[in-house]
C-alpha atoms as a PDB file:
ATOM      1  CA  UNK A   1     -53.498 115.806 -41.876  1.00  0.00           C
ATOM      2  CA  UNK A   2     -55.471 117.636 -39.514  1.00  0.00           C
ATOM      3  CA  UNK A   3     -56.227 116.264 -35.870  1.00  0.00           C
ATOM      4  CA  UNK A   4     -60.171 115.296 -36.773  1.00  0.00           C
ATOM      5  CA  UNK A   5     -59.391 113.553 -40.018  1.00  0.00           C
ATOM      6  CA  UNK A   6     -56.238 111.648 -38.743  1.00  0.00           C
ATOM      7  CA  UNK A   7     -58.926 110.750 -35.577  1.00  0.00           C
ATOM      8  CA  UNK A   8     -62.011 109.625 -38.093  1.00  0.00           C
ATOM      9  CA  UNK A   9     -60.108 108.045 -40.590  1.00  0.00           C
ATOM     10  CA  UNK A  10     -57.362 106.099 -38.548  1.00  0.00           C
ATOM     11  CA  UNK A  11     -58.494 102.523 -38.584  1.00  0.00           C
ATOM     12  CA  UNK A  12     -57.019  99.217 -36.406  1.00  0.00           C
ATOM     13  CA  UNK A  13     -54.725  97.458 -39.406  1.00  0.00           C
ATOM     14  CA  UNK A  14     -54.564  93.360 -39.614  1.00  0.00           C
ATOM     15  CA  UNK A  15     -52.828  93.157 -42.958  1.00  0.00           C
ATOM     16  CA  UNK A  16     -49.528  94.364 -43.794  1.00  0.00           C
ATOM     17  CA  UNK A  17     -47.137  94.831 -46.341  1.00  0.00           C
ATOM     18  CA  UNK A  18     -43.901  92.842 -46.377  1.00  0.00           C
ATOM     19  CA  UNK A  19     -41.644  95.493 -45.784  1.00  0.00           C
ATOM     20  CA  UNK A  20     -40.101  96.962 -42.601  1.00  0.00           C
ATOM     21  CA  UNK A  21     -41.147 100.767 -41.741  1.00  0.00           C
ATOM     22  CA  UNK A  22     -38.066 103.224 -41.617  1.00  0.00           C
ATOM     23  CA  UNK A  23     -36.054 102.870 -38.332  1.00  0.00           C
ATOM     24  CA  UNK A  24     -36.190 107.164 -38.134  1.00  0.00           C
ATOM     25  CA  UNK A  25     -40.290 107.355 -38.941  1.00  0.00           C
ATOM     26  CA  UNK A  26     -40.701 104.629 -36.134  1.00  0.00           C
ATOM     27  CA  UNK A  27     -38.317 106.514 -33.261  1.00  0.00           C
ATOM     28  CA  UNK A  28     -40.145 109.780 -34.565  1.00  0.00           C
ATOM     29  CA  UNK A  29     -43.779 108.236 -34.085  1.00  0.00           C
ATOM     30  CA  UNK A  30     -42.701 106.950 -30.456  1.00  0.00           C
ATOM     31  CA  UNK A  31     -40.764 110.508 -29.350  1.00  0.00           C
ATOM     32  CA  UNK A  32     -43.512 112.592 -30.158  1.00  0.00           C
ATOM     33  CA  UNK A  33     -46.142 110.392 -28.698  1.00  0.00           C
ATOM     34  CA  UNK A  34     -44.364 111.544 -25.125  1.00  0.00           C
ATOM     35  CA  UNK A  35     -46.666 114.434 -25.076  1.00  0.00           C
ATOM     36  CA  UNK A  36     -49.268 112.419 -23.646  1.00  0.00           C
ATOM     37  CA  UNK A  37     -50.669 113.807 -20.530  1.00  0.00           C
ATOM     38  CA  UNK A  38     -49.252 111.943 -17.554  1.00  0.00           C
ATOM     39  CA  UNK A  39     -49.164 112.836 -13.600  1.00  0.00           C
ATOM     40  CA  UNK A  40     -46.161 113.988 -12.148  1.00  0.00           C
ATOM     41  CA  UNK A  41     -44.481 113.905 -15.496  1.00  0.00           C
ATOM     42  CA  UNK A  42     -43.599 110.094 -14.773  1.00  0.00           C
ATOM     43  CA  UNK A  43     -44.017 109.165 -18.899  1.00  0.00           C
ATOM     44  CA  UNK A  44     -44.627 105.930 -17.451  1.00  0.00           C
ATOM     45  CA  UNK A  45     -44.449 104.381 -20.318  1.00  0.00           C
ATOM     46  CA  UNK A  46     -41.619 101.505 -22.089  1.00  0.00           C
ATOM     47  CA  UNK A  47     -41.070  99.910 -25.096  1.00  0.00           C
ATOM     48  CA  UNK A  48     -39.570  96.381 -26.180  1.00  0.00           C
ATOM     49  CA  UNK A  49     -39.886  97.023 -30.141  1.00  0.00           C
ATOM     50  CA  UNK A  50     -39.173  93.395 -31.571  1.00  0.00           C
ATOM     51  CA  UNK A  51     -38.413  93.304 -35.588  1.00  0.00           C
ATOM     52  CA  UNK A  52     -36.075  91.010 -37.976  1.00  0.00           C
ATOM     53  CA  UNK A  53     -34.896  88.586 -36.520  1.00  0.00           C
ATOM     54  CA  UNK A  54     -35.718  89.605 -33.084  1.00  0.00           C
ATOM     55  CA  UNK A  55     -39.156  88.517 -34.294  1.00  0.00           C
ATOM     56  CA  UNK A  56     -38.514  84.957 -34.089  1.00  0.00           C
ATOM     57  CA  UNK A  57     -37.807  84.628 -30.676  1.00  0.00           C
ATOM     58  CA  UNK A  58     -40.680  86.792 -29.453  1.00  0.00           C
ATOM     59  CA  UNK A  59     -42.443  84.163 -31.470  1.00  0.00           C
ATOM     60  CA  UNK A  60     -41.099  81.700 -29.633  1.00  0.00           C
ATOM     61  CA  UNK A  61     -42.199  83.305 -26.470  1.00  0.00           C
ATOM     62  CA  UNK A  62     -45.581  83.784 -27.403  1.00  0.00           C
ATOM     63  CA  UNK A  63     -46.099  80.045 -28.542  1.00  0.00           C
ATOM     64  CA  UNK A  64     -44.540  79.193 -25.387  1.00  0.00           C
ATOM     65  CA  UNK A  65     -47.399  81.235 -23.747  1.00  0.00           C
ATOM     66  CA  UNK A  66     -49.734  79.528 -25.333  1.00  0.00           C
ATOM     67  CA  UNK A  67     -48.391  76.026 -24.629  1.00  0.00           C
ATOM     68  CA  UNK A  68     -48.441  76.938 -20.862  1.00  0.00           C
ATOM     69  CA  UNK A  69     -52.005  78.267 -21.048  1.00  0.00           C
ATOM     70  CA  UNK A  70     -53.458  74.807 -22.316  1.00  0.00           C
ATOM     71  CA  UNK A  71     -54.109  76.545 -26.185  1.00  0.00           C
ATOM     72  CA  UNK A  72     -53.325  73.317 -27.736  1.00  0.00           C
ATOM     73  CA  UNK A  73     -54.573  70.680 -25.257  1.00  0.00           C
ATOM     74  CA  UNK A  74     -57.606  69.917 -27.329  1.00  0.00           C
ATOM     75  CA  UNK A  75     -55.641  68.700 -30.363  1.00  0.00           C
ATOM     76  CA  UNK A  76     -53.416  66.064 -31.290  1.00  0.00           C
ATOM     77  CA  UNK A  77     -49.780  66.267 -31.839  1.00  0.00           C
ATOM     78  CA  UNK A  78     -50.127  66.923 -35.567  1.00  0.00           C
ATOM     79  CA  UNK A  79     -52.893  69.671 -34.938  1.00  0.00           C
ATOM     80  CA  UNK A  80     -51.471  71.338 -32.395  1.00  0.00           C
ATOM     81  CA  UNK A  81     -47.559  71.652 -34.527  1.00  0.00           C
ATOM     82  CA  UNK A  82     -49.539  72.637 -37.271  1.00  0.00           C
ATOM     83  CA  UNK A  83     -51.428  75.686 -35.172  1.00  0.00           C
ATOM     84  CA  UNK A  84     -47.928  76.529 -33.760  1.00  0.00           C
ATOM     85  CA  UNK A  85     -46.738  76.894 -37.081  1.00  0.00           C
ATOM     86  CA  UNK A  86     -49.500  78.796 -37.825  1.00  0.00           C
ATOM     87  CA  UNK A  87     -48.977  81.408 -35.462  1.00  0.00           C
ATOM     88  CA  UNK A  88     -45.425  81.931 -35.799  1.00  0.00           C
ATOM     89  CA  UNK A  89     -45.798  82.706 -39.365  1.00  0.00           C
ATOM     90  CA  UNK A  90     -48.417  84.981 -38.846  1.00  0.00           C
ATOM     91  CA  UNK A  91     -46.554  87.062 -36.020  1.00  0.00           C
ATOM     92  CA  UNK A  92     -43.045  86.951 -38.422  1.00  0.00           C
ATOM     93  CA  UNK A  93     -45.330  88.089 -41.020  1.00  0.00           C
ATOM     94  CA  UNK A  94     -46.013  91.385 -39.258  1.00  0.00           C
ATOM     95  CA  UNK A  95     -43.407  93.729 -40.124  1.00  0.00           C
ATOM     96  CA  UNK A  96     -43.193  95.072 -35.764  1.00  0.00           C
ATOM     97  CA  UNK A  97     -43.963  94.285 -32.291  1.00  0.00           C
ATOM     98  CA  UNK A  98     -43.939  97.114 -29.773  1.00  0.00           C
ATOM     99  CA  UNK A  99     -44.453  96.084 -26.541  1.00  0.00           C
ATOM    100  CA  UNK A 100     -45.755  98.851 -24.256  1.00  0.00           C
ATOM    101  CA  UNK A 101     -45.194  98.157 -20.740  1.00  0.00           C
ATOM    102  CA  UNK A 102     -45.393 100.080 -17.142  1.00  0.00           C
ATOM    103  CA  UNK A 103     -43.651  99.938 -13.723  1.00  0.00           C
ATOM    104  CA  UNK A 104     -46.238  99.197 -11.195  1.00  0.00           C
ATOM    105  CA  UNK A 105     -47.276 101.289  -8.182  1.00  0.00           C
ATOM    106  CA  UNK A 106     -48.271 100.096  -4.958  1.00  0.00           C
ATOM    107  CA  UNK A 107     -50.225 102.987  -4.535  1.00  0.00           C
ATOM    108  CA  UNK A 108     -53.778 102.075  -6.465  1.00  0.00           C
ATOM    109  CA  UNK A 109     -54.453 105.643  -7.788  1.00  0.00           C
ATOM    110  CA  UNK A 110     -51.210 106.319  -9.039  1.00  0.00           C
ATOM    111  CA  UNK A 111     -50.881 102.515 -10.676  1.00  0.00           C
ATOM    112  CA  UNK A 112     -54.299 103.701 -12.409  1.00  0.00           C
ATOM    113  CA  UNK A 113     -53.090 107.062 -13.724  1.00  0.00           C
ATOM    114  CA  UNK A 114     -49.856 105.661 -14.890  1.00  0.00           C
ATOM    115  CA  UNK A 115     -52.182 103.296 -16.623  1.00  0.00           C
ATOM    116  CA  UNK A 116     -54.272 105.813 -17.990  1.00  0.00           C
ATOM    117  CA  UNK A 117     -51.242 107.755 -18.989  1.00  0.00           C
ATOM    118  CA  UNK A 118     -49.643 104.379 -21.150  1.00  0.00           C
ATOM    119  CA  UNK A 119     -52.987 104.460 -23.149  1.00  0.00           C
ATOM    120  CA  UNK A 120     -52.746 107.978 -23.911  1.00  0.00           C
ATOM    121  CA  UNK A 121     -49.226 107.386 -25.162  1.00  0.00           C
ATOM    122  CA  UNK A 122     -51.016 104.543 -27.264  1.00  0.00           C
ATOM    123  CA  UNK A 123     -53.345 106.592 -29.091  1.00  0.00           C
ATOM    124  CA  UNK A 124     -50.695 109.174 -29.763  1.00  0.00           C
ATOM    125  CA  UNK A 125     -48.592 106.536 -31.209  1.00  0.00           C
ATOM    126  CA  UNK A 126     -51.467 105.142 -33.265  1.00  0.00           C
ATOM    127  CA  UNK A 127     -52.486 108.990 -34.653  1.00  0.00           C
ATOM    128  CA  UNK A 128     -49.154 109.508 -35.729  1.00  0.00           C
ATOM    129  CA  UNK A 129     -48.504 106.337 -36.972  1.00  0.00           C
ATOM    130  CA  UNK A 130     -51.374 106.757 -39.087  1.00  0.00           C
ATOM    131  CA  UNK A 131     -50.401 110.359 -40.338  1.00  0.00           C
ATOM    132  CA  UNK A 132     -46.919 108.704 -41.443  1.00  0.00           C
ATOM    133  CA  UNK A 133     -49.034 106.404 -43.351  1.00  0.00           C
ATOM    134  CA  UNK A 134     -47.901 103.227 -40.529  1.00  0.00           C
ATOM    135  CA  UNK A 135     -50.795 100.970 -39.357  1.00  0.00           C
ATOM    136  CA  UNK A 136     -51.505 100.003 -36.007  1.00  0.00           C
ATOM    137  CA  UNK A 137     -53.523  96.973 -34.554  1.00  0.00           C
ATOM    138  CA  UNK A 138     -53.807  97.982 -30.614  1.00  0.00           C
ATOM    139  CA  UNK A 139     -53.573  94.332 -28.973  1.00  0.00           C
ATOM    140  CA  UNK A 140     -54.133  93.043 -25.616  1.00  0.00           C
ATOM    141  CA  UNK A 141     -53.327  89.002 -25.971  1.00  0.00           C
ATOM    142  CA  UNK A 142     -53.601  86.392 -23.448  1.00  0.00           C
ATOM    143  CA  UNK A 143     -49.728  86.294 -22.979  1.00  0.00           C
ATOM    144  CA  UNK A 144     -49.572  89.551 -21.581  1.00  0.00           C
ATOM    145  CA  UNK A 145     -51.474  88.141 -18.509  1.00  0.00           C
ATOM    146  CA  UNK A 146     -48.644  85.429 -18.289  1.00  0.00           C
ATOM    147  CA  UNK A 147     -45.980  85.932 -15.592  1.00  0.00           C
ATOM    148  CA  UNK A 148     -43.567  83.281 -17.526  1.00  0.00           C
ATOM    149  CA  UNK A 149     -44.274  85.212 -20.328  1.00  0.00           C
ATOM    150  CA  UNK A 150     -42.915  88.363 -18.728  1.00  0.00           C
ATOM    151  CA  UNK A 151     -40.169  86.719 -17.344  1.00  0.00           C
ATOM    152  CA  UNK A 152     -39.445  85.293 -20.673  1.00  0.00           C
ATOM    153  CA  UNK A 153     -38.748  88.634 -21.920  1.00  0.00           C
ATOM    154  CA  UNK A 154     -36.545  89.901 -18.912  1.00  0.00           C
ATOM    155  CA  UNK A 155     -39.242  91.600 -17.261  1.00  0.00           C
ATOM    156  CA  UNK A 156     -40.497  90.795 -13.160  1.00  0.00           C
ATOM    157  CA  UNK A 157     -44.219  90.602 -13.257  1.00  0.00           C
ATOM    158  CA  UNK A 158     -43.991  91.661  -9.869  1.00  0.00           C
ATOM    159  CA  UNK A 159     -42.413  95.060 -10.827  1.00  0.00           C
ATOM    160  CA  UNK A 160     -43.703  95.592 -14.472  1.00  0.00           C
ATOM    161  CA  UNK A 161     -47.494  95.605 -16.166  1.00  0.00           C
ATOM    162  CA  UNK A 162     -47.429  94.654 -19.576  1.00  0.00           C
ATOM    163  CA  UNK A 163     -49.815  96.985 -21.265  1.00  0.00           C
ATOM    164  CA  UNK A 164     -50.305  96.189 -25.106  1.00  0.00           C
ATOM    165  CA  UNK A 165     -48.442  94.900 -28.306  1.00  0.00           C
ATOM    166  CA  UNK A 166     -48.960  97.268 -30.788  1.00  0.00           C
ATOM    167  CA  UNK A 167     -48.354  95.220 -34.172  1.00  0.00           C
ATOM    168  CA  UNK A 168     -47.269  97.733 -37.135  1.00  0.00           C
ATOM    169  CA  UNK A 169     -46.772  98.496 -41.004  1.00  0.00           C
ATOM    170  CA  UNK A 170     -47.484  99.608 -43.780  1.00  0.00           C
ATOM    171  CA  UNK A 171     -50.909  98.760 -44.674  1.00  0.00           C
ATOM    172  CA  UNK A 172     -52.013  96.242 -47.211  1.00  0.00           C
ATOM    173  CA  UNK A 173     -55.688  96.851 -46.929  1.00  0.00           C
ATOM    174  CA  UNK A 174     -57.780  99.578 -44.879  1.00  0.00           C
ATOM    175  CA  UNK A 175     -60.988  98.736 -43.398  1.00  0.00           C
ATOM    176  CA  UNK A 176     -63.810 100.580 -44.021  1.00  0.00           C
ATOM    177  CA  UNK A 177     -65.062 102.584 -41.446  1.00  0.00           C
ATOM    178  CA  UNK A 178     -67.592 101.524 -38.595  1.00  0.00           C
ATOM    179  CA  UNK A 179     -70.362 103.532 -36.935  1.00  0.00           C
ATOM    180  CA  UNK A 180     -69.985 105.373 -33.909  1.00  0.00           C
ATOM    181  CA  UNK A 181     -72.854 105.694 -31.656  1.00  0.00           C
ATOM    182  CA  UNK A 182     -74.371 109.438 -30.858  1.00  0.00           C
ATOM    183  CA  UNK A 183     -73.068 111.224 -27.932  1.00  0.00           C
ATOM    184  CA  UNK A 184     -76.432 111.751 -26.943  1.00  0.00           C
ATOM    185  CA  UNK A 185     -76.863 108.016 -26.252  1.00  0.00           C
ATOM    186  CA  UNK A 186     -73.624 108.481 -23.927  1.00  0.00           C
ATOM    187  CA  UNK A 187     -73.888 111.556 -22.175  1.00  0.00           C
ATOM    188  CA  UNK A 188     -75.895 113.162 -19.576  1.00  0.00           C
ATOM    189  CA  UNK A 189     -75.693 116.969 -18.493  1.00  0.00           C
ATOM    190  CA  UNK A 190     -75.981 117.586 -14.525  1.00  0.00           C
ATOM    191  CA  UNK A 191     -77.482 121.436 -14.806  1.00  0.00           C
ATOM    192  CA  UNK A 192     -78.697 122.878 -11.861  1.00  0.00           C
ATOM    193  CA  UNK A 193     -79.159 119.770  -9.727  1.00  0.00           C
ATOM    194  CA  UNK A 194     -81.061 118.575 -12.639  1.00  0.00           C
ATOM    195  CA  UNK A 195     -79.794 114.935 -15.166  1.00  0.00           C
ATOM    196  CA  UNK A 196     -80.725 115.465 -18.681  1.00  0.00           C
ATOM    197  CA  UNK A 197     -79.629 113.761 -21.867  1.00  0.00           C
ATOM    198  CA  UNK A 198     -77.231 115.724 -24.149  1.00  0.00           C
ATOM    199  CA  UNK A 199     -79.264 117.408 -26.537  1.00  0.00           C
ATOM    200  CA  UNK A 200     -79.093 116.314 -30.184  1.00  0.00           C
ATOM    201  CA  UNK A 201     -78.511 119.830 -31.302  1.00  0.00           C
END
């Protein structure tokens, strides 16, 4: 698979086969992704990978966070319990949850550089996974902004930022591609002090 093919054909996957990815394949994906650009060679990304029985504890912490945030407040006890069980089963049915996080930097510029590097790393993971026949969904779920959730998984929110959770597994269904906007709608060329839109040609 060449680079353009991987970029164009990669899809966000929402449905997975009920099987784990080989540990060696996962290790290769996360290892090779480290060639993402990053300032000062800091490699600011870190990973907590939940799979197997580890997903049970992860799912409980996610549901606890939703509970704290009042997600179930407008429902009676029976309905809220049914919703919680639905979320739990949904999370358990996903083979792997890779929680990506980074250390916070008090310098705003360095913090933004680190965040950008982690996002580049995540995209590398997605492309390498796709090449290996592994689907990924890059999520920024509400519990990533819950300080108590961070503490529950062993991270001090004053020291670490939760960037994303990557849901991973072998795709059960691959969605159709969605249309992209022409770059002419997004790009301005500034030449000799003049600003003009990019040529369609």
